[in-house]
Protein backbone atom coordinates (compact mmCIF):
# COMPACT_ATOMS: atom_id res chain seq x y z
CA PHE A 1 0.00 0.00 0.00
CA ALA A 2 1.27 3.47 -0.81
CA SER A 3 1.31 6.14 1.84
CA CYS A 4 -1.48 8.67 1.96
CA GLU A 5 0.95 11.48 1.24
CA GLU A 6 1.71 9.83 -2.13
CA LYS A 7 -1.92 9.51 -3.13
CA SER A 8 -3.61 12.57 -1.72
CA ALA A 9 -3.29 14.65 -4.87
CA GLY A 10 -1.38 17.43 -3.19
CA VAL A 11 -3.23 17.39 0.14
CA SER A 12 -0.73 17.04 2.96
CA SER A 13 -1.70 15.27 6.17
CA SER A 14 1.20 16.96 7.94
CA THR A 15 -0.50 20.32 7.37
CA VAL A 16 -3.10 19.52 10.02
CA ALA A 17 -0.52 18.20 12.47
CA GLU A 18 1.54 21.36 11.99
CA THR A 19 -1.36 23.79 12.31
CA THR A 20 -3.39 22.06 15.02
CA PRO A 21 -2.39 22.85 18.60
CA ALA A 22 -1.68 19.66 20.55
CA ALA A 23 -4.42 20.54 23.04
CA THR A 24 -7.10 20.19 20.34
CA ILE A 25 -6.03 16.72 19.18
CA PRO A 26 -8.35 14.21 20.84
CA SER A 27 -6.91 11.67 23.26
CA PRO A 28 -6.88 8.01 22.21
CA PRO A 29 -9.99 6.07 23.22
CA PRO A 30 -10.46 3.30 25.73
CA PRO A 31 -10.14 -0.17 24.16
CA ILE A 32 -13.00 -1.07 21.81
CA GLU A 33 -14.46 -4.40 20.81
CA PHE A 34 -13.29 -5.75 17.48
CA PRO A 35 -13.61 -9.06 15.67
CA ALA A 36 -11.21 -11.43 17.41
CA SER A 37 -11.08 -13.54 14.24
CA TYR A 38 -9.07 -10.76 12.51
CA ILE A 39 -6.26 -10.76 15.07
CA GLY A 40 -2.99 -12.27 13.92
CA LYS A 41 -4.05 -12.60 10.28
CA PRO A 42 -2.47 -10.67 7.38
CA VAL A 43 -4.20 -7.34 6.79
CA THR A 44 -4.26 -8.25 3.09
CA ASN A 45 -6.88 -10.93 3.92
CA PHE A 46 -9.30 -8.13 4.80
CA VAL A 47 -8.26 -5.41 2.37
CA PRO A 48 -8.12 -7.15 -1.01
CA SER A 49 -8.49 -4.01 -3.13
CA PRO A 50 -6.38 -1.07 -1.98
CA ILE A 51 -7.58 2.36 -3.00
CA ASN A 52 -5.19 5.21 -3.57
CA ALA A 53 -7.45 8.10 -2.77
CA CYS A 54 -7.32 9.03 0.88
CA VAL A 55 -5.68 11.45 3.21
CA GLY A 56 -5.26 11.10 6.94
CA HIS A 57 -2.97 10.97 9.90
CA VAL A 58 -2.26 9.00 13.07
CA ASP A 59 -2.24 11.85 15.61
CA THR A 60 -1.78 9.95 18.85
CA ILE A 61 -0.71 6.51 19.99
CA ILE A 62 -0.27 5.32 23.56
CA ARG A 63 0.29 2.09 25.43
CA THR A 64 -2.58 0.98 27.64
CA GLU A 65 -2.94 -1.79 30.22
CA SER A 66 -4.44 -4.03 27.55
CA GLY A 67 -2.35 -3.00 24.51
CA ILE A 68 -2.33 0.20 22.48
CA ALA A 69 -4.80 2.96 21.66
CA ALA A 70 -4.53 5.36 18.72
CA GLY A 71 -6.49 8.23 17.26
CA GLY A 72 -6.38 10.45 14.23
CA TRP A 73 -8.36 11.49 11.19
CA ALA A 74 -9.02 10.20 7.68
CA TRP A 75 -10.95 11.24 4.57
CA ASN A 76 -11.90 9.04 1.61
CA LEU A 77 -11.16 11.27 -1.39
CA GLU A 78 -12.71 8.78 -3.81
CA GLU A 79 -16.10 8.49 -2.12
CA ARG A 80 -15.94 11.97 -0.53
CA ILE A 81 -16.87 10.65 2.91
CA PRO A 82 -15.12 9.87 6.18
CA PHE A 83 -14.09 6.26 6.77
CA GLU A 84 -16.28 4.43 9.28
CA ASN A 85 -14.12 1.40 10.07
CA PHE A 86 -10.40 0.87 10.52
CA LEU A 87 -7.90 -1.95 10.89
CA VAL A 88 -4.58 -1.64 12.71
CA ALA A 89 -1.63 -3.78 11.59
CA ASP A 90 1.82 -4.28 13.07
CA SER A 91 5.02 -3.73 11.10
CA SER A 92 4.81 -7.25 9.63
CA GLY A 93 1.30 -6.62 8.27
CA LEU A 94 -0.62 -8.70 10.81
CA VAL A 95 -3.88 -7.29 12.19
CA ILE A 96 -3.57 -6.34 15.85
CA GLY A 97 -6.73 -4.23 16.28
CA ALA A 98 -9.56 -2.18 14.83
CA GLY A 99 -11.43 1.06 15.30
CA ASN A 100 -14.33 3.28 14.34
CA GLY A 101 -14.69 6.69 12.76
CA GLY A 102 -17.25 9.39 13.30
CA VAL A 103 -15.31 11.58 15.75
CA SER A 104 -15.88 15.30 15.20
CA ARG A 105 -12.67 17.04 14.04
CA PRO A 106 -13.55 20.55 12.82
CA ASP A 107 -9.83 21.40 13.01
CA VAL A 108 -9.20 18.98 10.12
CA GLN A 109 -12.12 20.29 8.09
CA ALA A 110 -10.74 23.81 8.46
CA VAL A 111 -7.45 22.79 6.81
CA ILE A 112 -8.39 19.95 4.44
CA LYS A 113 -10.90 21.59 2.13
CA GLU A 114 -11.93 18.27 0.52
CA ALA A 115 -13.30 17.15 3.90
CA THR A 116 -16.90 18.33 3.71
CA ASP A 117 -17.94 16.45 6.88
CA PRO A 118 -16.44 17.36 10.28
CA ASN A 119 -16.70 13.75 11.54
CA VAL A 120 -13.36 12.62 10.08
CA GLY A 121 -11.81 11.54 13.38
CA TRP A 122 -11.22 7.92 14.33
CA ASN A 123 -10.19 5.92 17.39
CA ALA A 124 -8.70 2.44 17.46
CA SER A 125 -7.22 -0.06 19.90
CA GLY A 126 -5.16 -3.18 19.58
CA THR A 127 -2.93 -5.72 21.22
CA ALA A 128 0.47 -4.63 22.51
CA VAL A 129 3.28 -4.42 19.96
CA ASP A 130 6.75 -2.95 19.72
CA GLY A 131 7.86 -0.98 16.69
CA SER A 132 5.34 0.61 14.38
CA ILE A 133 1.70 0.26 13.38
CA GLU A 134 -0.15 1.05 10.17
CA VAL A 135 -3.80 2.10 10.14
CA PHE A 136 -6.13 1.31 7.22
CA GLY A 137 -9.47 2.99 6.55
CA LEU A 138 -11.99 0.51 5.12
CA GLY A 139 -14.23 1.50 2.22
CA ALA A 140 -17.98 1.70 2.74
CA GLU A 141 -18.53 -1.94 1.80
CA GLY A 142 -15.32 -3.22 3.42
CA ALA A 143 -14.00 -4.59 0.13
CA GLU A 144 -11.28 -1.95 -0.22
CA ALA A 145 -8.94 -0.09 2.06
CA CYS A 146 -6.56 2.82 2.14
CA SER A 147 -3.44 3.23 4.25
CA ILE A 148 -4.08 6.19 6.55
CA GLY A 149 -0.61 6.29 8.02
CA LYS A 150 2.06 4.71 10.16
CA ALA A 151 3.22 5.56 13.66
CA GLU A 152 5.82 4.36 16.11
CA VAL A 153 4.48 2.74 19.28
CA PRO A 154 5.98 4.42 22.37
CA ALA A 155 8.64 2.42 24.17
CA LYS A 156 7.61 0.50 27.27
CA SER A 157 8.16 2.53 30.40
């Protein structure tokens, strides 16, 4: 999968991160329920048709007692809607978690003009990993996905 920066047709996800004060970026969520049958399987099993028309960012990632929690924003440029569902994969491409969209992020809408809906935020949780994660926004019917971004998991304290 190509990075969102490569496929966003000139829209930079770093623009929001650079112009949004840290205090306005939402905190990661508590762990959510996700299909246990996805865990440990290659993300490519669930995202057979990658799309190259999204923009987004992983704004926050923390370790929790039960694993990791992450949050950010994403916009489907092809369908012109926010993503509703997300998968989280580890650096080897195995699914470690999932999440949901629908979080209000008017700060993103103010910078990313293509985002016509303020509910572009997402929250996800997953099992504990070291290294990096990659978050995928799933298309409306779940048959396609777009890489929203990668982030390093904080070191264990």
